[in-house]
Amino acid sequence: TCPHLNSAIIWSRILGPSNITTEAQKRPTCPHLNKLMIASAVCLLFTIGEAAGGFMANSLAIMTDASHMLSDFASFLISLFALWVARRPATQKMSFGYHRAEVMGAVCSVLVIWVLTGVLAYLAIERMMNMNFSINAVNIIMGCVLQQSGH
């Protein structure tokens, strides 16, 4: 959670709602939300570029990286939604507010990655069983270079 948001909520409870003059002060914005939105936009642009390049090159490795970035983008969106829900004020039934939404957002992000891993493993095994892949000199050279660098 955003420390600025939590401190503003605590002070609003201490001072009471009569001392808060505007709706914006009742629900302060967290400065980290803007950074998360910018990161989401940049991630989406790179995802689109990698997906297009992977499709044109018929490269499962590049499409795998693009789908990994797509899962990152989905995690960013889930985090944004969870932060938005967590900003809702406390009620009689939810005395601590909706901060559990952040935990549920984290669980959803992990599930997205596990599902993606299963799909990519299935596609890789299917390519190996059908012998639908090619190994050329560039792949071998890159494998040797990356192996020697400890990557």
N, C-alpha and C. Protein backbone atom coordinates (compact mmCIF):
# COMPACT_ATOMS: atom_id res chain seq x y z
N THR A 1 0.84 -1.18 0.00
CA THR A 1 0.00 0.00 0.00
C THR A 1 0.88 1.23 0.00
N CYS A 2 0.29 2.32 -0.37
CA CYS A 2 1.00 3.58 -0.45
C CYS A 2 1.07 4.21 0.94
N PRO A 3 2.27 4.55 1.44
CA PRO A 3 2.36 5.13 2.78
C PRO A 3 1.68 6.48 2.87
N HIS A 4 1.67 7.24 1.76
CA HIS A 4 0.99 8.54 1.78
C HIS A 4 -0.51 8.35 1.94
N LEU A 5 -1.04 7.35 1.29
CA LEU A 5 -2.47 7.07 1.34
C LEU A 5 -2.88 6.63 2.75
N ASN A 6 -2.09 5.74 3.35
CA ASN A 6 -2.43 5.25 4.68
C ASN A 6 -2.38 6.36 5.71
N SER A 7 -1.36 7.23 5.67
CA SER A 7 -1.27 8.30 6.65
C SER A 7 -2.42 9.29 6.48
N ALA A 8 -2.84 9.54 5.23
CA ALA A 8 -3.95 10.46 5.01
C ALA A 8 -5.24 9.88 5.56
N ILE A 9 -5.44 8.58 5.42
CA ILE A 9 -6.64 7.94 5.94
C ILE A 9 -6.64 7.98 7.47
N ILE A 10 -5.48 7.71 8.07
CA ILE A 10 -5.40 7.73 9.53
C ILE A 10 -5.71 9.13 10.06
N TRP A 11 -5.12 10.16 9.45
CA TRP A 11 -5.38 11.53 9.91
C TRP A 11 -6.83 11.93 9.68
N SER A 12 -7.43 11.47 8.59
CA SER A 12 -8.83 11.81 8.37
C SER A 12 -9.73 11.16 9.41
N ARG A 13 -9.35 9.96 9.90
CA ARG A 13 -10.13 9.31 10.96
C ARG A 13 -9.93 10.00 12.30
N ILE A 14 -8.70 10.49 12.55
CA ILE A 14 -8.42 11.19 13.80
C ILE A 14 -9.13 12.53 13.84
N LEU A 15 -9.01 13.29 12.75
CA LEU A 15 -9.58 14.63 12.71
C LEU A 15 -11.09 14.62 12.48
N GLY A 16 -11.57 13.56 11.89
CA GLY A 16 -13.00 13.47 11.61
C GLY A 16 -13.33 14.03 10.25
N PRO A 17 -14.47 13.60 9.69
CA PRO A 17 -14.82 14.02 8.33
C PRO A 17 -15.19 15.49 8.23
N SER A 18 -15.52 16.16 9.33
CA SER A 18 -15.93 17.55 9.24
C SER A 18 -14.76 18.48 8.92
N ASN A 19 -13.53 18.06 9.21
CA ASN A 19 -12.37 18.89 8.93
C ASN A 19 -11.85 18.73 7.51
N ILE A 20 -12.41 17.80 6.76
CA ILE A 20 -11.98 17.56 5.38
C ILE A 20 -12.94 18.30 4.47
N THR A 21 -12.38 19.16 3.63
CA THR A 21 -13.23 20.06 2.86
C THR A 21 -13.59 19.57 1.47
N THR A 22 -12.71 18.83 0.82
CA THR A 22 -12.99 18.43 -0.57
C THR A 22 -13.00 16.92 -0.69
N GLU A 23 -13.60 16.46 -1.76
CA GLU A 23 -13.63 15.02 -2.04
C GLU A 23 -12.23 14.51 -2.33
N ALA A 24 -11.40 15.33 -2.95
CA ALA A 24 -10.02 14.93 -3.25
C ALA A 24 -9.24 14.69 -1.97
N GLN A 25 -9.53 15.44 -0.92
CA GLN A 25 -8.83 15.22 0.34
C GLN A 25 -9.35 13.99 1.06
N LYS A 26 -10.60 13.61 0.81
CA LYS A 26 -11.12 12.40 1.42
C LYS A 26 -10.44 11.17 0.83
N ARG A 27 -10.16 11.23 -0.45
CA ARG A 27 -9.51 10.11 -1.14
C ARG A 27 -8.24 10.62 -1.80
N PRO A 28 -7.16 10.72 -1.05
CA PRO A 28 -5.92 11.23 -1.64
C PRO A 28 -5.37 10.27 -2.68
N THR A 29 -4.70 10.83 -3.66
CA THR A 29 -4.10 9.98 -4.69
C THR A 29 -2.71 9.58 -4.25
N CYS A 30 -2.32 8.42 -4.65
CA CYS A 30 -1.00 7.90 -4.33
C CYS A 30 -0.06 8.24 -5.48
N PRO A 31 1.10 8.84 -5.22
CA PRO A 31 2.00 9.21 -6.32
C PRO A 31 2.53 8.01 -7.09
N HIS A 32 2.46 6.83 -6.49
CA HIS A 32 2.97 5.63 -7.16
C HIS A 32 2.03 5.15 -8.26
N LEU A 33 0.78 5.58 -8.22
CA LEU A 33 -0.16 5.16 -9.26
C LEU A 33 0.25 5.68 -10.63
N ASN A 34 0.73 6.93 -10.70
CA ASN A 34 1.16 7.49 -11.98
C ASN A 34 2.35 6.72 -12.54
N LYS A 35 3.29 6.35 -11.68
CA LYS A 35 4.45 5.59 -12.14
C LYS A 35 4.02 4.22 -12.65
N LEU A 36 3.06 3.62 -11.98
CA LEU A 36 2.57 2.31 -12.41
C LEU A 36 1.83 2.41 -13.74
N MET A 37 1.10 3.49 -13.96
CA MET A 37 0.41 3.68 -15.24
C MET A 37 1.41 3.89 -16.37
N ILE A 38 2.47 4.66 -16.12
CA ILE A 38 3.50 4.86 -17.15
C ILE A 38 4.21 3.55 -17.46
N ALA A 39 4.54 2.80 -16.43
CA ALA A 39 5.19 1.49 -16.64
C ALA A 39 4.28 0.57 -17.44
N SER A 40 2.98 0.62 -17.19
CA SER A 40 2.03 -0.21 -17.93
C SER A 40 2.02 0.16 -19.41
N ALA A 41 2.02 1.44 -19.70
CA ALA A 41 2.00 1.88 -21.10
C ALA A 41 3.27 1.47 -21.84
N VAL A 42 4.42 1.66 -21.19
CA VAL A 42 5.70 1.27 -21.82
C VAL A 42 5.74 -0.24 -22.03
N CYS A 43 5.30 -0.99 -21.04
CA CYS A 43 5.29 -2.45 -21.14
C CYS A 43 4.40 -2.91 -22.30
N LEU A 44 3.24 -2.27 -22.44
CA LEU A 44 2.33 -2.64 -23.53
C LEU A 44 2.96 -2.36 -24.89
N LEU A 45 3.65 -1.23 -25.04
CA LEU A 45 4.31 -0.91 -26.31
C LEU A 45 5.38 -1.95 -26.66
N PHE A 46 6.20 -2.32 -25.68
CA PHE A 46 7.23 -3.32 -25.94
C PHE A 46 6.60 -4.69 -26.22
N THR A 47 5.52 -5.00 -25.56
CA THR A 47 4.84 -6.28 -25.79
C THR A 47 4.34 -6.37 -27.22
N ILE A 48 3.72 -5.31 -27.68
CA ILE A 48 3.20 -5.30 -29.06
C ILE A 48 4.34 -5.45 -30.06
N GLY A 49 5.44 -4.73 -29.84
CA GLY A 49 6.59 -4.82 -30.74
C GLY A 49 7.20 -6.21 -30.75
N GLU A 50 7.35 -6.81 -29.57
CA GLU A 50 7.93 -8.15 -29.51
C GLU A 50 7.00 -9.20 -30.10
N ALA A 51 5.71 -9.07 -29.87
CA ALA A 51 4.77 -10.04 -30.43
C ALA A 51 4.78 -9.98 -31.95
N ALA A 52 4.81 -8.78 -32.50
CA ALA A 52 4.84 -8.63 -33.95
C ALA A 52 6.15 -9.20 -34.51
N GLY A 53 7.27 -8.90 -33.87
CA GLY A 53 8.56 -9.42 -34.33
C GLY A 53 8.64 -10.93 -34.20
N GLY A 54 8.13 -11.47 -33.11
CA GLY A 54 8.15 -12.92 -32.92
C GLY A 54 7.27 -13.64 -33.93
N PHE A 55 6.12 -13.04 -34.26
CA PHE A 55 5.23 -13.65 -35.24
C PHE A 55 5.87 -13.63 -36.62
N MET A 56 6.49 -12.49 -36.99
CA MET A 56 7.12 -12.39 -38.32
C MET A 56 8.32 -13.33 -38.43
N ALA A 57 9.06 -13.52 -37.33
CA ALA A 57 10.23 -14.40 -37.36
C ALA A 57 9.88 -15.85 -37.07
N ASN A 58 8.63 -16.13 -36.72
CA ASN A 58 8.18 -17.47 -36.34
C ASN A 58 9.06 -18.03 -35.22
N SER A 59 9.34 -17.16 -34.25
CA SER A 59 10.22 -17.53 -33.15
C SER A 59 9.41 -17.71 -31.87
N LEU A 60 9.38 -18.93 -31.36
CA LEU A 60 8.68 -19.21 -30.12
C LEU A 60 9.37 -18.50 -28.95
N ALA A 61 10.69 -18.35 -29.02
CA ALA A 61 11.41 -17.69 -27.93
C ALA A 61 11.00 -16.23 -27.81
N ILE A 62 10.90 -15.52 -28.92
CA ILE A 62 10.51 -14.11 -28.87
C ILE A 62 9.04 -13.98 -28.49
N MET A 63 8.20 -14.87 -29.02
CA MET A 63 6.78 -14.81 -28.63
C MET A 63 6.61 -15.18 -27.16
N THR A 64 7.48 -16.05 -26.64
CA THR A 64 7.44 -16.38 -25.21
C THR A 64 7.78 -15.17 -24.38
N ASP A 65 8.80 -14.43 -24.80
CA ASP A 65 9.15 -13.22 -24.07
C ASP A 65 8.04 -12.19 -24.16
N ALA A 66 7.40 -12.09 -25.33
CA ALA A 66 6.28 -11.17 -25.48
C ALA A 66 5.12 -11.57 -24.58
N SER A 67 4.86 -12.86 -24.47
CA SER A 67 3.77 -13.29 -23.59
C SER A 67 4.15 -13.08 -22.12
N HIS A 68 5.43 -13.21 -21.80
CA HIS A 68 5.87 -12.90 -20.44
C HIS A 68 5.64 -11.42 -20.13
N MET A 69 5.96 -10.57 -21.10
CA MET A 69 5.71 -9.14 -20.90
C MET A 69 4.22 -8.85 -20.83
N LEU A 70 3.42 -9.61 -21.58
CA LEU A 70 1.97 -9.44 -21.50
C LEU A 70 1.46 -9.83 -20.12
N SER A 71 2.06 -10.86 -19.52
CA SER A 71 1.66 -11.22 -18.16
C SER A 71 2.09 -10.14 -17.17
N ASP A 72 3.24 -9.50 -17.43
CA ASP A 72 3.65 -8.37 -16.60
C ASP A 72 2.64 -7.23 -16.71
N PHE A 73 2.20 -6.97 -17.95
CA PHE A 73 1.20 -5.92 -18.17
C PHE A 73 -0.11 -6.25 -17.44
N ALA A 74 -0.51 -7.52 -17.52
CA ALA A 74 -1.72 -7.93 -16.80
C ALA A 74 -1.55 -7.76 -15.30
N SER A 75 -0.36 -8.06 -14.80
CA SER A 75 -0.09 -7.87 -13.37
C SER A 75 -0.14 -6.40 -12.99
N PHE A 76 0.37 -5.54 -13.86
CA PHE A 76 0.28 -4.10 -13.60
C PHE A 76 -1.18 -3.66 -13.53
N LEU A 77 -2.00 -4.15 -14.47
CA LEU A 77 -3.42 -3.78 -14.47
C LEU A 77 -4.14 -4.30 -13.23
N ILE A 78 -3.80 -5.52 -12.83
CA ILE A 78 -4.39 -6.09 -11.62
C ILE A 78 -3.98 -5.25 -10.41
N SER A 79 -2.73 -4.83 -10.37
CA SER A 79 -2.26 -3.99 -9.26
C SER A 79 -2.97 -2.65 -9.24
N LEU A 80 -3.13 -2.05 -10.41
CA LEU A 80 -3.85 -0.78 -10.48
C LEU A 80 -5.29 -0.93 -9.99
N PHE A 81 -5.95 -2.00 -10.41
CA PHE A 81 -7.32 -2.24 -9.97
C PHE A 81 -7.37 -2.49 -8.47
N ALA A 82 -6.42 -3.27 -7.95
CA ALA A 82 -6.40 -3.56 -6.52
C ALA A 82 -6.16 -2.29 -5.71
N LEU A 83 -5.27 -1.43 -6.18
CA LEU A 83 -5.03 -0.16 -5.48
C LEU A 83 -6.27 0.72 -5.52
N TRP A 84 -6.97 0.71 -6.65
CA TRP A 84 -8.20 1.50 -6.77
C TRP A 84 -9.26 0.99 -5.79
N VAL A 85 -9.42 -0.34 -5.71
CA VAL A 85 -10.40 -0.91 -4.79
C VAL A 85 -9.98 -0.66 -3.34
N ALA A 86 -8.68 -0.76 -3.05
CA ALA A 86 -8.20 -0.58 -1.69
C ALA A 86 -8.40 0.85 -1.19
N ARG A 87 -8.58 1.79 -2.09
CA ARG A 87 -8.80 3.18 -1.69
C ARG A 87 -10.21 3.41 -1.17
N ARG A 88 -11.09 2.47 -1.36
CA ARG A 88 -12.46 2.66 -0.89
C ARG A 88 -12.46 2.79 0.63
N PRO A 89 -13.31 3.62 1.16
CA PRO A 89 -13.32 3.83 2.62
C PRO A 89 -13.88 2.63 3.37
N ALA A 90 -13.56 2.57 4.64
CA ALA A 90 -14.05 1.50 5.50
C ALA A 90 -15.56 1.63 5.69
N THR A 91 -16.21 0.48 5.87
CA THR A 91 -17.65 0.45 6.12
C THR A 91 -17.90 -0.31 7.42
N GLN A 92 -19.16 -0.48 7.78
CA GLN A 92 -19.48 -1.24 8.99
C GLN A 92 -19.04 -2.70 8.84
N LYS A 93 -19.26 -3.27 7.65
CA LYS A 93 -18.88 -4.67 7.42
C LYS A 93 -17.38 -4.83 7.19
N MET A 94 -16.78 -3.87 6.56
CA MET A 94 -15.36 -3.91 6.23
C MET A 94 -14.63 -2.84 7.05
N SER A 95 -14.39 -3.12 8.32
CA SER A 95 -13.86 -2.11 9.23
C SER A 95 -12.45 -1.66 8.87
N PHE A 96 -11.68 -2.49 8.19
CA PHE A 96 -10.34 -2.11 7.76
C PHE A 96 -10.33 -1.67 6.30
N GLY A 97 -11.48 -1.48 5.71
CA GLY A 97 -11.54 -1.08 4.31
C GLY A 97 -11.36 -2.27 3.39
N TYR A 98 -10.88 -1.99 2.22
CA TYR A 98 -10.75 -3.01 1.18
C TYR A 98 -9.29 -3.34 0.89
N HIS A 99 -8.45 -3.33 1.92
CA HIS A 99 -7.03 -3.60 1.71
C HIS A 99 -6.76 -5.05 1.33
N ARG A 100 -7.70 -5.92 1.54
CA ARG A 100 -7.52 -7.33 1.10
C ARG A 100 -7.47 -7.43 -0.41
N ALA A 101 -7.97 -6.42 -1.10
CA ALA A 101 -7.93 -6.43 -2.56
C ALA A 101 -6.50 -6.49 -3.06
N GLU A 102 -5.57 -5.88 -2.34
CA GLU A 102 -4.17 -5.93 -2.76
C GLU A 102 -3.63 -7.36 -2.69
N VAL A 103 -4.01 -8.09 -1.67
CA VAL A 103 -3.57 -9.48 -1.54
C VAL A 103 -4.19 -10.33 -2.65
N MET A 104 -5.46 -10.12 -2.90
CA MET A 104 -6.12 -10.87 -3.98
C MET A 104 -5.52 -10.53 -5.34
N GLY A 105 -5.11 -9.28 -5.52
CA GLY A 105 -4.43 -8.89 -6.75
C GLY A 105 -3.12 -9.63 -6.93
N ALA A 106 -2.38 -9.79 -5.85
CA ALA A 106 -1.12 -10.52 -5.92
C ALA A 106 -1.36 -11.99 -6.26
N VAL A 107 -2.39 -12.58 -5.68
CA VAL A 107 -2.73 -13.98 -5.98
C VAL A 107 -3.10 -14.13 -7.45
N CYS A 108 -3.89 -13.20 -7.97
CA CYS A 108 -4.27 -13.25 -9.39
C CYS A 108 -3.05 -13.12 -10.29
N SER A 109 -2.11 -12.26 -9.93
CA SER A 109 -0.90 -12.10 -10.73
C SER A 109 -0.10 -13.40 -10.80
N VAL A 110 0.02 -14.08 -9.67
CA VAL A 110 0.74 -15.35 -9.64
C VAL A 110 0.01 -16.39 -10.49
N LEU A 111 -1.29 -16.43 -10.41
CA LEU A 111 -2.06 -17.39 -11.22
C LEU A 111 -1.89 -17.13 -12.71
N VAL A 112 -1.83 -15.87 -13.11
CA VAL A 112 -1.62 -15.54 -14.52
C VAL A 112 -0.28 -16.10 -14.99
N ILE A 113 0.76 -15.94 -14.18
CA ILE A 113 2.08 -16.45 -14.56
C ILE A 113 2.09 -17.97 -14.65
N TRP A 114 1.41 -18.65 -13.71
CA TRP A 114 1.38 -20.13 -13.76
C TRP A 114 0.63 -20.63 -14.98
N VAL A 115 -0.48 -20.00 -15.32
CA VAL A 115 -1.23 -20.40 -16.52
C VAL A 115 -0.38 -20.18 -17.76
N LEU A 116 0.29 -19.03 -17.82
CA LEU A 116 1.15 -18.73 -18.96
C LEU A 116 2.27 -19.75 -19.08
N THR A 117 2.87 -20.12 -17.96
CA THR A 117 3.93 -21.13 -17.98
C THR A 117 3.43 -22.46 -18.53
N GLY A 118 2.24 -22.87 -18.12
CA GLY A 118 1.66 -24.12 -18.62
C GLY A 118 1.42 -24.08 -20.12
N VAL A 119 0.87 -22.97 -20.61
CA VAL A 119 0.60 -22.86 -22.05
C VAL A 119 1.90 -22.88 -22.85
N LEU A 120 2.90 -22.14 -22.39
CA LEU A 120 4.17 -22.10 -23.12
C LEU A 120 4.90 -23.44 -23.09
N ALA A 121 4.84 -24.13 -21.96
CA ALA A 121 5.45 -25.46 -21.90
C ALA A 121 4.74 -26.41 -22.86
N TYR A 122 3.41 -26.33 -22.94
CA TYR A 122 2.66 -27.18 -23.86
C TYR A 122 3.07 -26.88 -25.31
N LEU A 123 3.16 -25.60 -25.67
CA LEU A 123 3.53 -25.24 -27.04
C LEU A 123 4.95 -25.70 -27.37
N ALA A 124 5.88 -25.59 -26.42
CA ALA A 124 7.26 -26.03 -26.67
C ALA A 124 7.33 -27.55 -26.84
N ILE A 125 6.62 -28.29 -26.00
CA ILE A 125 6.61 -29.75 -26.13
C ILE A 125 5.97 -30.17 -27.44
N GLU A 126 4.90 -29.49 -27.83
CA GLU A 126 4.24 -29.81 -29.10
C GLU A 126 5.19 -29.57 -30.28
N ARG A 127 5.95 -28.48 -30.24
CA ARG A 127 6.91 -28.24 -31.32
C ARG A 127 7.99 -29.31 -31.36
N MET A 128 8.46 -29.74 -30.20
CA MET A 128 9.50 -30.78 -30.17
C MET A 128 8.97 -32.11 -30.66
N MET A 129 7.74 -32.46 -30.30
CA MET A 129 7.18 -33.75 -30.72
C MET A 129 6.90 -33.78 -32.22
N ASN A 130 6.50 -32.66 -32.79
CA ASN A 130 6.20 -32.59 -34.22
C ASN A 130 7.42 -32.19 -35.05
N MET A 131 8.56 -32.01 -34.39
CA MET A 131 9.79 -31.57 -35.07
C MET A 131 9.55 -30.30 -35.88
N ASN A 132 8.80 -29.38 -35.30
CA ASN A 132 8.44 -28.13 -35.97
C ASN A 132 9.33 -27.00 -35.44
N PHE A 133 10.63 -27.15 -35.62
CA PHE A 133 11.58 -26.12 -35.19
C PHE A 133 12.79 -26.20 -36.09
N SER A 134 13.57 -25.15 -36.06
CA SER A 134 14.80 -25.16 -36.86
C SER A 134 15.94 -24.66 -35.99
N ILE A 135 17.08 -25.29 -36.18
CA ILE A 135 18.30 -24.87 -35.48
C ILE A 135 19.28 -24.44 -36.55
N ASN A 136 19.69 -23.18 -36.46
CA ASN A 136 20.67 -22.69 -37.42
C ASN A 136 21.90 -22.21 -36.69
N ALA A 137 22.88 -21.74 -37.42
CA ALA A 137 24.16 -21.34 -36.84
C ALA A 137 24.00 -20.20 -35.84
N VAL A 138 23.09 -19.29 -36.10
CA VAL A 138 22.89 -18.15 -35.19
C VAL A 138 22.44 -18.65 -33.82
N ASN A 139 21.51 -19.59 -33.80
CA ASN A 139 21.03 -20.13 -32.53
C ASN A 139 22.17 -20.82 -31.76
N ILE A 140 23.01 -21.57 -32.46
CA ILE A 140 24.10 -22.28 -31.80
C ILE A 140 25.13 -21.29 -31.26
N ILE A 141 25.47 -20.27 -32.06
CA ILE A 141 26.44 -19.26 -31.60
C ILE A 141 25.90 -18.51 -30.39
N MET A 142 24.65 -18.12 -30.43
CA MET A 142 24.05 -17.40 -29.29
C MET A 142 24.02 -18.28 -28.06
N GLY A 143 23.73 -19.56 -28.23
CA GLY A 143 23.74 -20.48 -27.09
C GLY A 143 25.11 -20.59 -26.46
N CYS A 144 26.14 -20.68 -27.30
CA CYS A 144 27.51 -20.77 -26.77
C CYS A 144 27.92 -19.48 -26.08
N VAL A 145 27.60 -18.33 -26.68
CA VAL A 145 27.97 -17.05 -26.08
C VAL A 145 27.27 -16.88 -24.73
N LEU A 146 25.98 -17.16 -24.68
CA LEU A 146 25.24 -16.99 -23.43
C LEU A 146 25.69 -17.98 -22.37
N GLN A 147 26.06 -19.18 -22.77
CA GLN A 147 26.53 -20.17 -21.82
C GLN A 147 27.86 -19.75 -21.20
N GLN A 148 28.75 -19.19 -22.02
CA GLN A 148 30.07 -18.77 -21.54
C GLN A 148 29.98 -17.55 -20.63
N SER A 149 28.99 -16.69 -20.85
CA SER A 149 28.87 -15.47 -20.04
C SER A 149 28.18 -15.73 -18.71
N GLY A 150 27.72 -16.94 -18.49
CA GLY A 150 27.05 -17.27 -17.24
C GLY A 150 25.62 -16.81 -17.19
N HIS A 151 25.04 -16.51 -18.33
CA HIS A 151 23.65 -16.04 -18.39
C HIS A 151 22.67 -17.17 -18.24
